[in-house]
Amino acid sequence: MIDLLFPLLLVLLLVPMFLGIRRQKREAEKVAAMQDGLKVGDSVITTSGLWGTVVDVDEDTVDLEIAEDVVTTWLRQAIREVRVEEQAAESTTESATAETTAPETTADRAASGVEESADQTENRLNDNRLNKD
């Protein structure tokens, strides 16, 4: 009985480890395929959370436009995900809707997830300063 306990214990410890390694390998293959499939015009998110649009693709690097006329170079491995066009269209629609019907308070803006423009931020800060005086 005790002679069978050790091999059984080994099997119980090695099977989950083997299954975990397989899952990691599958995920790594998906990420590598996504990074190899990058093309100009893709909207992507880097591992550090930077959003950008692919403007040039080399063998090891990707050039991302992160703002108008601002291009940065990244390693392909730094790309975490490619944003699906539906997500990009939703965010564009949300920002267009937000501009026409802007929330009244900062709390409303934070709750709705709408980002404000630089002009809106400056106006809000100026209003806050005037209210304090």
N, C-alpha and C. Protein backbone atom coordinates (compact mmCIF):
# COMPACT_ATOMS: atom_id res chain seq x y z
N MET A 1 0.82 -1.20 0.00
CA MET A 1 0.00 0.00 0.00
C MET A 1 0.87 1.26 0.00
N ILE A 2 1.87 1.31 0.86
CA ILE A 2 2.75 2.47 0.94
C ILE A 2 3.60 2.57 -0.32
N ASP A 3 3.91 1.44 -0.96
CA ASP A 3 4.70 1.46 -2.19
C ASP A 3 3.95 2.15 -3.33
N LEU A 4 2.62 2.10 -3.32
CA LEU A 4 1.82 2.74 -4.35
C LEU A 4 1.56 4.23 -4.06
N LEU A 5 1.73 4.63 -2.83
CA LEU A 5 1.43 6.00 -2.43
C LEU A 5 2.38 7.01 -3.08
N PHE A 6 3.67 6.71 -3.11
CA PHE A 6 4.64 7.64 -3.69
C PHE A 6 4.41 7.88 -5.18
N PRO A 7 4.25 6.82 -6.01
CA PRO A 7 3.98 7.06 -7.45
C PRO A 7 2.66 7.81 -7.67
N LEU A 8 1.66 7.50 -6.86
CA LEU A 8 0.38 8.19 -6.99
C LEU A 8 0.52 9.67 -6.64
N LEU A 9 1.29 9.97 -5.63
CA LEU A 9 1.53 11.35 -5.22
C LEU A 9 2.28 12.10 -6.33
N LEU A 10 3.25 11.45 -6.95
CA LEU A 10 3.98 12.06 -8.06
C LEU A 10 3.04 12.38 -9.23
N VAL A 11 2.17 11.47 -9.57
CA VAL A 11 1.23 11.67 -10.66
C VAL A 11 0.30 12.84 -10.33
N LEU A 12 -0.20 12.89 -9.09
CA LEU A 12 -1.11 13.96 -8.70
C LEU A 12 -0.43 15.34 -8.74
N LEU A 13 0.86 15.41 -8.53
CA LEU A 13 1.57 16.68 -8.58
C LEU A 13 2.01 17.04 -10.00
N LEU A 14 2.34 16.08 -10.82
CA LEU A 14 2.86 16.35 -12.15
C LEU A 14 1.78 16.64 -13.19
N VAL A 15 0.61 16.04 -13.06
CA VAL A 15 -0.46 16.26 -14.05
C VAL A 15 -0.90 17.73 -14.08
N PRO A 16 -1.22 18.38 -12.95
CA PRO A 16 -1.60 19.79 -13.02
C PRO A 16 -0.47 20.68 -13.56
N MET A 17 0.76 20.34 -13.22
CA MET A 17 1.88 21.12 -13.71
C MET A 17 1.98 20.99 -15.23
N PHE A 18 1.82 19.79 -15.74
CA PHE A 18 1.86 19.55 -17.19
C PHE A 18 0.74 20.31 -17.89
N LEU A 19 -0.47 20.28 -17.34
CA LEU A 19 -1.60 20.98 -17.95
C LEU A 19 -1.39 22.49 -17.92
N GLY A 20 -0.80 23.01 -16.86
CA GLY A 20 -0.50 24.44 -16.78
C GLY A 20 0.52 24.87 -17.81
N ILE A 21 1.52 24.07 -18.03
CA ILE A 21 2.54 24.38 -19.03
C ILE A 21 1.92 24.40 -20.43
N ARG A 22 1.03 23.46 -20.70
CA ARG A 22 0.37 23.43 -22.01
C ARG A 22 -0.47 24.69 -22.24
N ARG A 23 -1.18 25.12 -21.20
CA ARG A 23 -2.02 26.31 -21.32
C ARG A 23 -1.15 27.55 -21.58
N GLN A 24 -0.03 27.65 -20.86
CA GLN A 24 0.88 28.79 -21.07
C GLN A 24 1.44 28.78 -22.49
N LYS A 25 1.80 27.62 -22.98
CA LYS A 25 2.36 27.50 -24.32
C LYS A 25 1.34 27.93 -25.37
N ARG A 26 0.09 27.52 -25.19
CA ARG A 26 -0.97 27.90 -26.12
C ARG A 26 -1.19 29.41 -26.13
N GLU A 27 -1.21 30.04 -24.95
CA GLU A 27 -1.38 31.49 -24.85
C GLU A 27 -0.20 32.22 -25.50
N ALA A 28 1.01 31.72 -25.29
CA ALA A 28 2.20 32.34 -25.89
C ALA A 28 2.15 32.26 -27.41
N GLU A 29 1.65 31.16 -27.94
CA GLU A 29 1.52 31.02 -29.39
C GLU A 29 0.49 32.01 -29.94
N LYS A 30 -0.63 32.21 -29.22
CA LYS A 30 -1.64 33.17 -29.66
C LYS A 30 -1.07 34.58 -29.70
N VAL A 31 -0.32 34.96 -28.66
CA VAL A 31 0.27 36.29 -28.60
C VAL A 31 1.29 36.47 -29.71
N ALA A 32 2.12 35.46 -29.94
CA ALA A 32 3.12 35.54 -31.01
C ALA A 32 2.45 35.68 -32.37
N ALA A 33 1.36 34.95 -32.60
CA ALA A 33 0.65 35.05 -33.87
C ALA A 33 0.04 36.44 -34.05
N MET A 34 -0.49 37.00 -32.95
CA MET A 34 -1.06 38.35 -33.01
C MET A 34 0.02 39.36 -33.32
N GLN A 35 1.18 39.25 -32.69
CA GLN A 35 2.27 40.19 -32.92
C GLN A 35 2.85 40.04 -34.32
N ASP A 36 2.88 38.83 -34.86
CA ASP A 36 3.37 38.63 -36.23
C ASP A 36 2.37 39.14 -37.26
N GLY A 37 1.09 39.20 -36.90
CA GLY A 37 0.05 39.63 -37.83
C GLY A 37 -0.22 41.12 -37.81
N LEU A 38 0.62 41.90 -37.13
CA LEU A 38 0.40 43.35 -37.09
C LEU A 38 0.54 43.96 -38.47
N LYS A 39 -0.34 44.92 -38.76
CA LYS A 39 -0.27 45.60 -40.05
C LYS A 39 -0.53 47.09 -39.84
N VAL A 40 -0.12 47.88 -40.81
CA VAL A 40 -0.29 49.32 -40.75
C VAL A 40 -1.78 49.64 -40.62
N GLY A 41 -2.10 50.54 -39.69
CA GLY A 41 -3.48 50.94 -39.46
C GLY A 41 -4.14 50.26 -38.28
N ASP A 42 -3.51 49.19 -37.74
CA ASP A 42 -4.07 48.51 -36.58
C ASP A 42 -4.01 49.42 -35.37
N SER A 43 -5.06 49.43 -34.60
CA SER A 43 -5.09 50.16 -33.34
C SER A 43 -4.67 49.16 -32.26
N VAL A 44 -3.62 49.48 -31.50
CA VAL A 44 -3.05 48.53 -30.55
C VAL A 44 -2.88 49.14 -29.17
N ILE A 45 -2.67 48.26 -28.19
CA ILE A 45 -2.36 48.66 -26.82
C ILE A 45 -1.06 47.95 -26.45
N THR A 46 -0.10 48.70 -25.90
CA THR A 46 1.18 48.11 -25.50
C THR A 46 1.07 47.50 -24.11
N THR A 47 2.09 46.79 -23.71
CA THR A 47 2.12 46.18 -22.38
C THR A 47 2.14 47.22 -21.27
N SER A 48 2.57 48.43 -21.59
CA SER A 48 2.58 49.50 -20.59
C SER A 48 1.28 50.31 -20.61
N GLY A 49 0.34 49.93 -21.46
CA GLY A 49 -0.96 50.59 -21.49
C GLY A 49 -1.09 51.73 -22.46
N LEU A 50 -0.09 51.95 -23.30
CA LEU A 50 -0.14 53.04 -24.28
C LEU A 50 -0.97 52.61 -25.48
N TRP A 51 -1.89 53.46 -25.90
CA TRP A 51 -2.72 53.20 -27.06
C TRP A 51 -2.12 53.91 -28.25
N GLY A 52 -2.11 53.25 -29.40
CA GLY A 52 -1.56 53.86 -30.59
C GLY A 52 -2.05 53.17 -31.85
N THR A 53 -1.65 53.73 -32.97
CA THR A 53 -1.99 53.18 -34.27
C THR A 53 -0.69 52.84 -35.00
N VAL A 54 -0.63 51.64 -35.56
CA VAL A 54 0.57 51.18 -36.25
C VAL A 54 0.74 51.97 -37.55
N VAL A 55 1.92 52.60 -37.70
CA VAL A 55 2.21 53.35 -38.93
C VAL A 55 3.33 52.71 -39.74
N ASP A 56 4.13 51.84 -39.11
CA ASP A 56 5.19 51.15 -39.83
C ASP A 56 5.52 49.87 -39.08
N VAL A 57 5.80 48.80 -39.82
CA VAL A 57 6.11 47.52 -39.22
C VAL A 57 7.43 47.04 -39.80
N ASP A 58 8.40 46.77 -38.93
CA ASP A 58 9.67 46.17 -39.34
C ASP A 58 9.72 44.75 -38.82
N GLU A 59 10.86 44.09 -39.00
CA GLU A 59 11.01 42.72 -38.56
C GLU A 59 10.88 42.59 -37.04
N ASP A 60 11.53 43.47 -36.30
CA ASP A 60 11.52 43.39 -34.84
C ASP A 60 10.79 44.54 -34.16
N THR A 61 10.50 45.62 -34.89
CA THR A 61 9.93 46.81 -34.26
C THR A 61 8.63 47.23 -34.94
N VAL A 62 7.89 48.06 -34.22
CA VAL A 62 6.64 48.62 -34.72
C VAL A 62 6.65 50.10 -34.39
N ASP A 63 6.31 50.95 -35.36
CA ASP A 63 6.20 52.38 -35.10
C ASP A 63 4.73 52.68 -34.83
N LEU A 64 4.46 53.33 -33.69
CA LEU A 64 3.10 53.67 -33.29
C LEU A 64 2.92 55.17 -33.28
N GLU A 65 1.80 55.61 -33.84
CA GLU A 65 1.43 57.02 -33.73
C GLU A 65 0.55 57.12 -32.49
N ILE A 66 1.04 57.83 -31.48
CA ILE A 66 0.32 57.93 -30.21
C ILE A 66 -0.45 59.24 -30.09
N ALA A 67 -0.15 60.19 -30.94
CA ALA A 67 -0.87 61.45 -31.05
C ALA A 67 -0.60 61.97 -32.45
N GLU A 68 -1.28 63.01 -32.82
CA GLU A 68 -1.09 63.53 -34.18
C GLU A 68 0.37 63.93 -34.38
N ASP A 69 1.02 63.34 -35.37
CA ASP A 69 2.42 63.59 -35.72
C ASP A 69 3.41 63.22 -34.62
N VAL A 70 3.03 62.33 -33.71
CA VAL A 70 3.94 61.84 -32.67
C VAL A 70 4.06 60.33 -32.87
N VAL A 71 5.24 59.89 -33.33
CA VAL A 71 5.47 58.48 -33.64
C VAL A 71 6.58 57.95 -32.74
N THR A 72 6.32 56.80 -32.11
CA THR A 72 7.32 56.16 -31.25
C THR A 72 7.59 54.75 -31.77
N THR A 73 8.78 54.25 -31.50
CA THR A 73 9.17 52.92 -31.96
C THR A 73 9.15 51.95 -30.78
N TRP A 74 8.53 50.79 -30.99
CA TRP A 74 8.39 49.78 -29.95
C TRP A 74 8.81 48.42 -30.50
N LEU A 75 9.28 47.55 -29.62
CA LEU A 75 9.50 46.16 -30.01
C LEU A 75 8.15 45.50 -30.22
N ARG A 76 8.09 44.55 -31.14
CA ARG A 76 6.84 43.82 -31.38
C ARG A 76 6.33 43.15 -30.10
N GLN A 77 7.26 42.67 -29.27
CA GLN A 77 6.88 41.97 -28.06
C GLN A 77 6.17 42.88 -27.06
N ALA A 78 6.27 44.18 -27.24
CA ALA A 78 5.62 45.12 -26.33
C ALA A 78 4.14 45.32 -26.66
N ILE A 79 3.67 44.78 -27.78
CA ILE A 79 2.26 44.92 -28.14
C ILE A 79 1.47 43.84 -27.42
N ARG A 80 0.52 44.30 -26.57
CA ARG A 80 -0.28 43.37 -25.77
C ARG A 80 -1.51 42.91 -26.52
N GLU A 81 -2.19 43.84 -27.22
CA GLU A 81 -3.39 43.44 -27.94
C GLU A 81 -3.67 44.39 -29.09
N VAL A 82 -4.38 43.85 -30.05
CA VAL A 82 -4.85 44.65 -31.18
C VAL A 82 -6.32 44.94 -30.90
N ARG A 83 -6.67 46.23 -30.91
CA ARG A 83 -8.06 46.61 -30.66
C ARG A 83 -8.89 46.25 -31.89
N VAL A 84 -10.00 45.61 -31.65
CA VAL A 84 -10.92 45.24 -32.72
C VAL A 84 -11.60 46.51 -33.21
N GLU A 85 -11.91 46.57 -34.48
CA GLU A 85 -12.48 47.78 -35.06
C GLU A 85 -13.81 48.15 -34.40
N GLU A 86 -14.57 47.16 -33.92
CA GLU A 86 -15.83 47.45 -33.24
C GLU A 86 -15.56 48.26 -31.97
N GLN A 87 -14.50 47.88 -31.22
CA GLN A 87 -14.15 48.62 -30.01
C GLN A 87 -13.73 50.03 -30.36
N ALA A 88 -12.95 50.18 -31.42
CA ALA A 88 -12.49 51.50 -31.83
C ALA A 88 -13.67 52.35 -32.29
N ALA A 89 -14.62 51.75 -33.00
CA ALA A 89 -15.79 52.49 -33.45
C ALA A 89 -16.66 52.90 -32.26
N GLU A 90 -16.79 52.01 -31.26
CA GLU A 90 -17.57 52.35 -30.07
C GLU A 90 -16.95 53.52 -29.34
N SER A 91 -15.62 53.51 -29.18
CA SER A 91 -14.98 54.60 -28.45
C SER A 91 -15.08 55.90 -29.23
N THR A 92 -15.05 55.85 -30.56
CA THR A 92 -15.21 57.05 -31.37
C THR A 92 -16.63 57.58 -31.23
N THR A 93 -17.61 56.69 -31.26
CA THR A 93 -19.00 57.09 -31.10
C THR A 93 -19.24 57.67 -29.72
N GLU A 94 -18.66 57.03 -28.69
CA GLU A 94 -18.81 57.54 -27.33
C GLU A 94 -18.21 58.92 -27.19
N SER A 95 -17.03 59.15 -27.77
CA SER A 95 -16.41 60.46 -27.64
C SER A 95 -17.18 61.52 -28.41
N ALA A 96 -17.74 61.16 -29.57
CA ALA A 96 -18.54 62.12 -30.33
C ALA A 96 -19.81 62.45 -29.56
N THR A 97 -20.44 61.46 -28.96
CA THR A 97 -21.64 61.69 -28.15
C THR A 97 -21.30 62.52 -26.94
N ALA A 98 -20.16 62.27 -26.33
CA ALA A 98 -19.74 63.00 -25.13
C ALA A 98 -19.50 64.47 -25.44
N GLU A 99 -19.01 64.76 -26.64
CA GLU A 99 -18.76 66.15 -27.00
C GLU A 99 -20.06 66.91 -27.17
N THR A 100 -21.10 66.24 -27.68
CA THR A 100 -22.37 66.93 -27.89
C THR A 100 -23.18 67.03 -26.60
N THR A 101 -23.08 66.02 -25.75
CA THR A 101 -23.80 66.03 -24.48
C THR A 101 -22.80 65.81 -23.36
N ALA A 102 -22.02 66.82 -23.06
CA ALA A 102 -20.98 66.70 -22.05
C ALA A 102 -21.59 66.59 -20.66
N PRO A 103 -21.08 65.71 -19.79
CA PRO A 103 -21.58 65.60 -18.42
C PRO A 103 -21.35 66.91 -17.66
N GLU A 104 -22.18 67.16 -16.67
CA GLU A 104 -22.15 68.42 -15.94
C GLU A 104 -21.00 68.50 -14.94
N THR A 105 -20.72 67.42 -14.23
CA THR A 105 -19.73 67.48 -13.15
C THR A 105 -18.57 66.54 -13.42
N THR A 106 -17.50 66.76 -12.66
CA THR A 106 -16.33 65.89 -12.77
C THR A 106 -16.70 64.47 -12.37
N ALA A 107 -17.54 64.33 -11.35
CA ALA A 107 -17.96 62.99 -10.92
C ALA A 107 -18.74 62.29 -12.03
N ASP A 108 -19.59 63.04 -12.75
CA ASP A 108 -20.32 62.45 -13.87
C ASP A 108 -19.36 62.00 -14.96
N ARG A 109 -18.33 62.82 -15.24
CA ARG A 109 -17.34 62.46 -16.26
C ARG A 109 -16.60 61.19 -15.87
N ALA A 110 -16.20 61.10 -14.61
CA ALA A 110 -15.47 59.92 -14.15
C ALA A 110 -16.35 58.69 -14.21
N ALA A 111 -17.61 58.84 -13.85
CA ALA A 111 -18.54 57.71 -13.86
C ALA A 111 -18.83 57.24 -15.28
N SER A 112 -18.90 58.17 -16.22
CA SER A 112 -19.21 57.78 -17.59
C SER A 112 -17.99 57.29 -18.36
N GLY A 113 -16.77 57.54 -17.85
CA GLY A 113 -15.56 57.09 -18.52
C GLY A 113 -15.18 57.96 -19.70
N VAL A 114 -15.74 59.18 -19.80
CA VAL A 114 -15.46 60.08 -20.91
C VAL A 114 -14.26 60.94 -20.57
N GLU A 115 -13.31 60.99 -21.49
CA GLU A 115 -12.15 61.85 -21.29
C GLU A 115 -12.46 63.24 -21.79
N GLU A 116 -11.92 64.23 -21.11
CA GLU A 116 -12.15 65.59 -21.54
C GLU A 116 -10.97 66.09 -22.36
N SER A 117 -11.25 67.05 -23.22
CA SER A 117 -10.19 67.62 -24.05
C SER A 117 -9.35 68.57 -23.20
N ALA A 118 -8.25 69.01 -23.77
CA ALA A 118 -7.37 69.94 -23.05
C ALA A 118 -8.09 71.25 -22.77
N ASP A 119 -8.91 71.71 -23.73
CA ASP A 119 -9.67 72.95 -23.52
C ASP A 119 -10.69 72.79 -22.39
N GLN A 120 -11.36 71.65 -22.37
CA GLN A 120 -12.33 71.39 -21.30
C GLN A 120 -11.65 71.35 -19.95
N THR A 121 -10.46 70.73 -19.89
CA THR A 121 -9.72 70.68 -18.63
C THR A 121 -9.33 72.07 -18.18
N GLU A 122 -8.83 72.87 -19.10
CA GLU A 122 -8.42 74.24 -18.76
C GLU A 122 -9.61 75.06 -18.27
N ASN A 123 -10.75 74.95 -18.96
CA ASN A 123 -11.95 75.67 -18.53
C ASN A 123 -12.42 75.22 -17.15
N ARG A 124 -12.39 73.92 -16.90
CA ARG A 124 -12.81 73.39 -15.59
C ARG A 124 -11.90 73.91 -14.49
N LEU A 125 -10.58 73.91 -14.74
CA LEU A 125 -9.64 74.39 -13.74
C LEU A 125 -9.82 75.89 -13.49
N ASN A 126 -10.05 76.66 -14.56
CA ASN A 126 -10.29 78.09 -14.40
C ASN A 126 -11.56 78.35 -13.60
N ASP A 127 -12.62 77.59 -13.88
CA ASP A 127 -13.87 77.73 -13.13
C ASP A 127 -13.66 77.42 -11.66
N ASN A 128 -12.87 76.37 -11.39
CA ASN A 128 -12.59 76.01 -9.99
C ASN A 128 -11.83 77.13 -9.28
N ARG A 129 -10.88 77.75 -9.99
CA ARG A 129 -10.11 78.86 -9.38
C ARG A 129 -11.01 80.05 -9.10
N LEU A 130 -11.91 80.37 -10.03
CA LEU A 130 -12.83 81.49 -9.85
C LEU A 130 -13.78 81.25 -8.69
N ASN A 131 -14.23 79.99 -8.56
CA ASN A 131 -15.15 79.66 -7.47
C ASN A 131 -14.47 79.75 -6.11
N LYS A 132 -13.18 79.46 -6.05
CA LYS A 132 -12.44 79.56 -4.78
C LYS A 132 -12.27 81.01 -4.36
N ASP A 133 -12.10 81.90 -5.33
CA ASP A 133 -11.89 83.31 -5.01
C ASP A 133 -13.17 83.93 -4.64
